[in-house]
Structures are given as structure tokens and as C-alpha cells.
Amino acid sequence: MKNRTVKPIFLVSACLTGLCTRYDGKTKPDASCLHFLQDKIVIPVCPEQLGGLPTPRSPADIINGDGYDVLHGNARIHTENGEDVSQAFIHGAKQVLQLAKLQAVDGICLKARSPSCGISGTIGVTAALLKEHGYPLHEF
């Protein structure tokens, strides 16, 4: 069901909006993303925080696959210290999907080169789950 507002509703990786949600606790707003969103209702989300990970946190990477593989139990996500954080990434992705459904979003803007949100290159866990459910994704 589409939203009842005049403006389209978009979920957006919180770090792209300037919130301090990046793994290193810093901010890195994306001007082109903010320009794209200027006429839209914006709901910032951070799948890693929604999955229960702290900020700041150790950088993490997908091992032996991509986000689809992680979702289906065929790959893992490990921090640079070797900690397996796969379940937190999966839980966060499911939380973002739930928000997308509840808000009947028109699209989702995601952070490039992220093990959660990346679309091009190695697709992240959240991006893969959202893509499986047919949401329009935009990468910044």
C-alpha cells in the first residue's frame, strides 16, 4: 500500500544524513544524497545499530560471499578482530525491512561500500534483503 502523503517517503542510511552512526562514530553526510532527498520525507536508519551493535564499533566485512549468502547461512560477517557479527547484521536488516513495510516507503537510499548497505560490488546484507522484497534502492 502506498503512503497517503503528497511527498514520497524514503528510508535512508543514517550516516548519509550526517548522523554519527558510522562504525568509527564519525559523521560523513553525502551532499548528493541530501539533494536527492530534499523534497521527500526522510526516515534515517542504521541497520548495524538496529541489530544491536554499538557505535563506534570494529569495522566488519563479509567473508566468502555477499549479503545474500549471509542471509542464507552460506557466508559470515567478521570484525577485524575476528568476532562473528553475522546475526546482528541479519537482525538489523530485518528491522529495516519491517520499517520499510510499516511506513510503506517509496524507496531506500543506502551507503555504498558497506557490509550492510552496499549495493554495487559486494551487496550488503540489508541491501540484499530489501532487494529480495522488491524495494527500489539508491546507492550513495
Protein backbone atom coordinates (compact mmCIF):
# COMPACT_ATOMS: atom_id res chain seq x y z
CA MET A 1 0.00 0.00 0.00
CA LYS A 2 1.43 3.39 -0.97
CA ASN A 3 1.68 6.18 1.55
CA ARG A 4 -1.08 8.76 1.85
CA THR A 5 1.20 11.80 1.87
CA VAL A 6 1.92 14.09 -1.03
CA LYS A 7 5.68 13.65 -0.57
CA PRO A 8 7.33 10.28 -1.13
CA ILE A 9 8.74 8.52 1.93
CA PHE A 10 12.33 7.25 1.86
CA LEU A 11 14.38 5.29 4.36
CA VAL A 12 18.00 6.44 4.25
CA SER A 13 21.22 5.19 5.79
CA ALA A 14 21.53 7.49 8.80
CA CYS A 15 25.24 8.12 8.15
CA LEU A 16 24.34 9.72 4.80
CA THR A 17 22.24 12.33 6.61
CA GLY A 18 25.08 13.40 8.89
CA LEU A 19 24.18 11.36 11.97
CA CYS A 20 27.14 9.82 13.82
CA THR A 21 26.23 6.19 13.12
CA ARG A 22 29.26 5.07 11.11
CA TYR A 23 31.40 2.26 12.51
CA ASP A 24 34.01 4.84 13.58
CA GLY A 25 31.43 7.05 15.29
CA LYS A 26 32.08 9.89 12.88
CA THR A 27 29.76 11.72 10.53
CA LYS A 28 30.00 11.70 6.75
CA PRO A 29 26.95 13.34 5.17
CA ASP A 30 26.54 12.91 1.43
CA ALA A 31 25.58 16.13 -0.39
CA SER A 32 24.20 14.36 -3.46
CA CYS A 33 22.01 12.13 -1.28
CA LEU A 34 20.73 15.10 0.73
CA HIS A 35 19.94 16.92 -2.53
CA PHE A 36 18.06 13.86 -3.84
CA LEU A 37 16.03 13.71 -0.60
CA GLN A 38 15.19 17.42 -0.33
CA ASP A 39 11.56 17.01 -1.50
CA LYS A 40 10.93 13.73 0.34
CA ILE A 41 10.01 12.59 3.83
CA VAL A 42 13.20 11.05 5.26
CA ILE A 43 13.44 8.31 7.88
CA PRO A 44 17.09 7.72 8.90
CA VAL A 45 18.04 4.13 9.79
CA CYS A 46 21.24 2.32 10.73
CA PRO A 47 20.92 -1.44 10.29
CA GLU A 48 24.00 -2.12 12.38
CA GLN A 49 22.68 -0.11 15.32
CA LEU A 50 19.21 -1.65 14.89
CA GLY A 51 20.92 -5.03 15.03
CA GLY A 52 22.36 -4.19 18.45
CA LEU A 53 25.92 -3.19 17.56
CA PRO A 54 27.48 -0.22 19.37
CA THR A 55 28.83 2.98 17.87
CA PRO A 56 31.73 3.16 17.49
CA ARG A 57 32.34 -0.48 16.56
CA SER A 58 35.06 -2.51 14.88
CA PRO A 59 34.96 -2.46 11.08
CA ALA A 60 33.46 -5.64 9.64
CA ASP A 61 33.49 -7.43 6.29
CA ILE A 62 31.56 -10.21 4.63
CA ILE A 63 33.69 -13.37 4.42
CA ASN A 64 33.34 -15.81 1.49
CA GLY A 65 30.26 -14.38 -0.20
CA ASP A 66 27.85 -11.47 -0.24
CA GLY A 67 24.78 -10.26 1.64
CA TYR A 68 22.56 -12.90 0.04
CA ASP A 69 24.97 -15.60 1.22
CA VAL A 70 24.95 -14.19 4.76
CA LEU A 71 21.12 -14.16 4.81
CA HIS A 72 21.01 -17.80 3.71
CA GLY A 73 23.73 -19.02 6.09
CA ASN A 74 26.42 -19.53 3.43
CA ALA A 75 28.76 -16.67 4.47
CA ARG A 76 29.61 -14.79 7.66
CA ILE A 77 30.46 -11.26 8.75
CA HIS A 78 33.54 -10.84 10.94
CA THR A 79 35.04 -7.77 12.52
CA GLU A 80 38.72 -7.00 12.00
CA ASN A 81 39.22 -8.63 15.43
CA GLY A 82 37.64 -11.88 14.22
CA GLU A 83 34.31 -11.53 16.05
CA ASP A 84 31.36 -13.05 14.17
CA VAL A 85 28.65 -10.35 13.96
CA SER A 86 26.53 -12.05 11.30
CA GLN A 87 23.42 -12.36 13.47
CA ALA A 88 23.49 -8.66 14.39
CA PHE A 89 23.68 -7.72 10.70
CA ILE A 90 20.81 -10.07 9.83
CA HIS A 91 18.69 -8.80 12.73
CA GLY A 92 19.33 -5.18 11.71
CA ALA A 93 18.40 -5.93 8.10
CA LYS A 94 15.12 -7.46 9.25
CA GLN A 95 14.40 -4.39 11.37
CA VAL A 96 14.93 -2.09 8.37
CA LEU A 97 12.65 -4.30 6.27
CA GLN A 98 9.97 -4.07 8.96
CA LEU A 99 10.25 -0.25 8.98
CA ALA A 100 10.01 -0.18 5.19
CA LYS A 101 6.80 -2.21 5.34
CA LEU A 102 5.28 -0.22 8.22
CA GLN A 103 5.96 3.13 6.55
CA ALA A 104 5.03 1.97 3.03
CA VAL A 105 8.20 3.61 1.72
CA ASP A 106 8.65 4.63 -1.88
CA GLY A 107 12.39 3.97 -1.91
CA ILE A 108 15.52 3.48 0.13
CA CYS A 109 18.87 5.29 -0.05
CA LEU A 110 21.85 3.24 1.12
CA LYS A 111 25.55 3.84 1.85
CA ALA A 112 27.97 2.49 -0.73
CA ARG A 113 30.78 0.08 0.25
CA SER A 114 29.05 -1.07 3.43
CA PRO A 115 28.64 -4.71 4.53
CA SER A 116 25.07 -3.74 5.47
CA CYS A 117 24.04 -1.24 2.85
CA GLY A 118 26.32 -1.52 -0.19
CA ILE A 119 24.60 -2.31 -3.48
CA SER A 120 27.32 -2.29 -6.14
CA GLY A 121 30.36 -4.51 -5.75
CA THR A 122 29.63 -6.89 -2.89
CA ILE A 123 25.99 -6.38 -1.95
CA GLY A 124 25.42 -5.90 1.77
CA VAL A 125 23.04 -7.84 4.00
CA THR A 126 20.37 -5.14 4.33
CA ALA A 127 20.55 -4.25 0.64
CA ALA A 128 20.16 -7.91 -0.32
CA LEU A 129 17.11 -8.39 1.93
CA LEU A 130 15.44 -5.23 0.67
CA LYS A 131 16.19 -6.16 -2.95
CA GLU A 132 14.67 -9.62 -2.37
CA HIS A 133 11.48 -7.83 -1.29
CA GLY A 134 11.40 -5.58 -4.35
CA TYR A 135 12.21 -2.19 -2.83
CA PRO A 136 13.74 0.45 -5.10
CA LEU A 137 17.30 1.03 -3.86
CA HIS A 138 19.57 4.03 -4.46
CA GLU A 139 23.26 3.97 -3.52
CA PHE A 140 25.30 6.98 -2.40
